[in-house]
């Protein structure tokens, strides 16, 4: 789909954490911003300790809340 960001962070699950996909492939369950950044580094979106701006709508679509929404019990 044109203009669709490559990374999607899904709504928080009932038990906590948010599923993260990169180009349609599940890369893990994030429990905070650091997890999302780590997944993006492993997927090649940044090198080493390079900081990743997680508030880029062209890169990440946050569904069911923003980057400060994590849910759980």
N, C-alpha and C. Protein backbone atom coordinates (compact mmCIF):
# COMPACT_ATOMS: atom_id res chain seq x y z
N UNK A 1 0.86 -1.17 0.00
CA UNK A 1 0.00 0.00 0.00
C UNK A 1 0.90 1.23 0.00
N UNK A 2 0.76 2.14 -0.96
CA UNK A 2 1.62 3.31 -1.06
C UNK A 2 1.51 4.21 0.17
N UNK A 3 2.66 4.71 0.62
CA UNK A 3 2.67 5.62 1.75
C UNK A 3 2.52 4.94 3.10
N UNK A 4 2.44 3.62 3.13
CA UNK A 4 2.28 2.89 4.38
C UNK A 4 3.66 2.76 5.03
N UNK A 5 3.78 3.13 6.33
CA UNK A 5 5.09 3.02 6.98
C UNK A 5 5.54 1.56 7.08
N UNK A 6 6.86 1.33 7.04
CA UNK A 6 7.36 -0.05 7.09
C UNK A 6 7.23 -0.70 8.46
N UNK A 7 7.10 0.10 9.53
CA UNK A 7 7.04 -0.43 10.88
C UNK A 7 5.65 -0.17 11.47
N UNK A 8 5.05 -1.21 12.05
CA UNK A 8 3.76 -1.04 12.72
C UNK A 8 3.90 -1.55 14.15
N UNK A 9 3.47 -0.72 15.09
CA UNK A 9 3.41 -1.10 16.49
C UNK A 9 1.93 -1.23 16.82
N UNK A 10 1.52 -2.45 17.15
CA UNK A 10 0.11 -2.75 17.36
C UNK A 10 -0.36 -2.35 18.75
N UNK A 11 -1.67 -2.31 18.98
CA UNK A 11 -2.20 -1.93 20.31
C UNK A 11 -1.67 -2.85 21.41
N UNK A 12 -1.62 -2.33 22.63
CA UNK A 12 -1.16 -3.15 23.75
C UNK A 12 -2.04 -4.38 23.94
N UNK A 13 -1.40 -5.49 24.28
CA UNK A 13 -2.16 -6.70 24.56
C UNK A 13 -2.68 -6.64 25.99
N UNK A 14 -3.60 -7.51 26.32
CA UNK A 14 -4.18 -7.54 27.67
C UNK A 14 -3.14 -7.90 28.72
N UNK A 15 -2.10 -8.61 28.31
CA UNK A 15 -1.05 -9.02 29.25
C UNK A 15 0.16 -8.10 29.23
N UNK A 16 0.11 -7.05 28.42
CA UNK A 16 1.21 -6.10 28.32
C UNK A 16 2.05 -6.34 27.08
N UNK A 17 2.66 -5.30 26.61
CA UNK A 17 3.50 -5.40 25.42
C UNK A 17 2.72 -5.13 24.15
N UNK A 18 3.46 -4.76 23.12
CA UNK A 18 2.88 -4.44 21.82
C UNK A 18 3.66 -5.17 20.73
N UNK A 19 2.93 -5.88 19.88
CA UNK A 19 3.55 -6.59 18.76
C UNK A 19 4.10 -5.56 17.78
N UNK A 20 5.27 -5.86 17.23
CA UNK A 20 5.92 -4.96 16.28
C UNK A 20 6.21 -5.74 15.00
N UNK A 21 5.84 -5.14 13.86
CA UNK A 21 6.17 -5.75 12.57
C UNK A 21 7.02 -4.78 11.76
N UNK A 22 7.89 -5.36 10.95
CA UNK A 22 8.71 -4.59 10.00
C UNK A 22 8.48 -5.22 8.64
N UNK A 23 7.98 -4.42 7.71
CA UNK A 23 7.64 -4.91 6.36
C UNK A 23 6.76 -6.16 6.42
N UNK A 24 5.80 -6.16 7.37
CA UNK A 24 4.83 -7.24 7.45
C UNK A 24 5.30 -8.47 8.24
N UNK A 25 6.54 -8.48 8.70
CA UNK A 25 7.07 -9.61 9.46
C UNK A 25 7.13 -9.26 10.94
N UNK A 26 6.62 -10.14 11.80
CA UNK A 26 6.69 -9.91 13.24
C UNK A 26 8.15 -9.98 13.67
N UNK A 27 8.60 -8.92 14.39
CA UNK A 27 9.98 -8.89 14.87
C UNK A 27 10.06 -9.03 16.39
N UNK A 28 8.93 -8.91 17.08
CA UNK A 28 8.95 -9.11 18.51
C UNK A 28 7.81 -8.43 19.23
N UNK A 29 7.85 -8.57 20.56
CA UNK A 29 6.87 -7.96 21.45
C UNK A 29 7.60 -6.90 22.27
N UNK A 30 7.21 -5.65 22.09
CA UNK A 30 7.86 -4.54 22.78
C UNK A 30 7.13 -4.21 24.07
N UNK A 31 7.91 -3.94 25.11
CA UNK A 31 7.34 -3.53 26.40
C UNK A 31 7.71 -2.10 26.72
N UNK A 32 8.34 -1.42 25.76
CA UNK A 32 8.71 -0.03 25.94
C UNK A 32 9.44 0.48 24.71
N UNK A 33 9.73 1.77 24.73
CA UNK A 33 10.40 2.40 23.58
C UNK A 33 11.73 1.75 23.24
N UNK A 34 12.47 1.36 24.27
CA UNK A 34 13.78 0.75 24.04
C UNK A 34 13.69 -0.52 23.22
N UNK A 35 12.66 -1.31 23.46
CA UNK A 35 12.46 -2.54 22.68
C UNK A 35 12.21 -2.21 21.21
N UNK A 36 11.36 -1.21 20.96
CA UNK A 36 11.06 -0.82 19.58
C UNK A 36 12.35 -0.36 18.89
N UNK A 37 13.13 0.48 19.57
CA UNK A 37 14.39 0.97 19.00
C UNK A 37 15.34 -0.20 18.70
N UNK A 38 15.39 -1.16 19.60
CA UNK A 38 16.25 -2.32 19.40
C UNK A 38 15.82 -3.13 18.18
N UNK A 39 14.52 -3.35 18.03
CA UNK A 39 14.02 -4.07 16.86
C UNK A 39 14.39 -3.34 15.57
N UNK A 40 14.28 -2.01 15.59
CA UNK A 40 14.59 -1.23 14.38
C UNK A 40 16.08 -1.28 14.06
N UNK A 41 16.93 -1.26 15.07
CA UNK A 41 18.37 -1.39 14.83
C UNK A 41 18.68 -2.74 14.17
N UNK A 42 18.09 -3.81 14.74
CA UNK A 42 18.33 -5.14 14.18
C UNK A 42 17.81 -5.26 12.76
N UNK A 43 16.77 -4.48 12.43
CA UNK A 43 16.19 -4.52 11.08
C UNK A 43 16.95 -3.60 10.12
N UNK A 44 17.99 -2.91 10.63
CA UNK A 44 18.82 -2.09 9.75
C UNK A 44 18.39 -0.64 9.60
N UNK A 45 17.51 -0.14 10.47
CA UNK A 45 17.06 1.25 10.37
C UNK A 45 18.03 2.22 11.02
N UNK A 46 19.00 1.72 11.79
CA UNK A 46 20.03 2.56 12.41
C UNK A 46 21.22 1.68 12.74
N UNK A 47 22.38 2.30 12.79
CA UNK A 47 23.59 1.56 13.10
C UNK A 47 24.00 1.75 14.55
N UNK A 48 24.45 0.68 15.18
CA UNK A 48 24.99 0.75 16.53
C UNK A 48 24.12 1.49 17.52
N UNK A 49 24.73 2.46 18.19
CA UNK A 49 24.03 3.22 19.22
C UNK A 49 23.33 4.45 18.67
N UNK A 50 23.29 4.58 17.34
CA UNK A 50 22.62 5.72 16.72
C UNK A 50 21.19 5.83 17.24
N UNK A 51 20.81 7.04 17.65
CA UNK A 51 19.47 7.25 18.19
C UNK A 51 18.43 7.17 17.07
N UNK A 52 17.30 6.57 17.40
CA UNK A 52 16.21 6.44 16.44
C UNK A 52 15.05 7.28 16.93
N UNK A 53 14.55 8.14 16.07
CA UNK A 53 13.38 8.96 16.40
C UNK A 53 12.14 8.10 16.18
N UNK A 54 11.49 7.71 17.27
CA UNK A 54 10.33 6.83 17.18
C UNK A 54 9.04 7.58 16.86
N UNK A 55 9.13 8.88 16.72
CA UNK A 55 7.95 9.70 16.42
C UNK A 55 8.00 10.18 14.97
N UNK A 56 8.23 9.24 14.06
CA UNK A 56 8.29 9.54 12.62
C UNK A 56 7.15 8.81 11.91
N UNK A 57 6.07 9.50 11.58
CA UNK A 57 4.93 8.82 10.96
C UNK A 57 5.26 8.13 9.64
N UNK A 58 6.30 8.58 8.95
CA UNK A 58 6.67 7.93 7.69
C UNK A 58 7.41 6.61 7.94
N UNK A 59 7.90 6.41 9.19
CA UNK A 59 8.62 5.19 9.55
C UNK A 59 7.76 4.24 10.37
N UNK A 60 7.03 4.78 11.36
CA UNK A 60 6.31 3.94 12.32
C UNK A 60 4.84 4.35 12.41
N UNK A 61 3.97 3.37 12.32
CA UNK A 61 2.55 3.59 12.58
C UNK A 61 2.23 3.01 13.95
N UNK A 62 1.80 3.86 14.86
CA UNK A 62 1.44 3.45 16.22
C UNK A 62 -0.07 3.22 16.25
N UNK A 63 -0.49 2.00 16.40
CA UNK A 63 -1.92 1.67 16.43
C UNK A 63 -2.37 1.47 17.88
N UNK A 64 -3.53 2.01 18.21
CA UNK A 64 -4.09 1.80 19.53
C UNK A 64 -3.38 2.57 20.63
N UNK A 65 -2.75 3.66 20.27
CA UNK A 65 -2.04 4.49 21.24
C UNK A 65 -0.74 4.99 20.64
N UNK A 66 -0.12 5.90 21.34
CA UNK A 66 1.12 6.48 20.84
C UNK A 66 2.33 5.80 21.48
N UNK A 67 3.50 6.40 21.32
CA UNK A 67 4.72 5.77 21.83
C UNK A 67 4.81 5.77 23.35
N UNK A 68 3.86 6.38 24.03
CA UNK A 68 3.82 6.34 25.50
C UNK A 68 2.74 5.40 26.04
N UNK A 69 2.07 4.67 25.15
CA UNK A 69 0.97 3.77 25.54
C UNK A 69 1.48 2.33 25.53
N UNK A 70 1.51 1.70 26.70
CA UNK A 70 2.01 0.32 26.77
C UNK A 70 1.04 -0.64 27.41
N UNK A 71 0.11 -0.22 28.19
CA UNK A 71 -0.95 -1.09 28.72
C UNK A 71 -0.46 -2.20 29.62
N UNK A 72 -1.24 -3.25 29.67
CA UNK A 72 -0.93 -4.40 30.52
C UNK A 72 -1.62 -4.28 31.86
N UNK A 73 -1.44 -5.28 32.67
CA UNK A 73 -2.13 -5.28 33.97
C UNK A 73 -1.55 -4.26 34.94
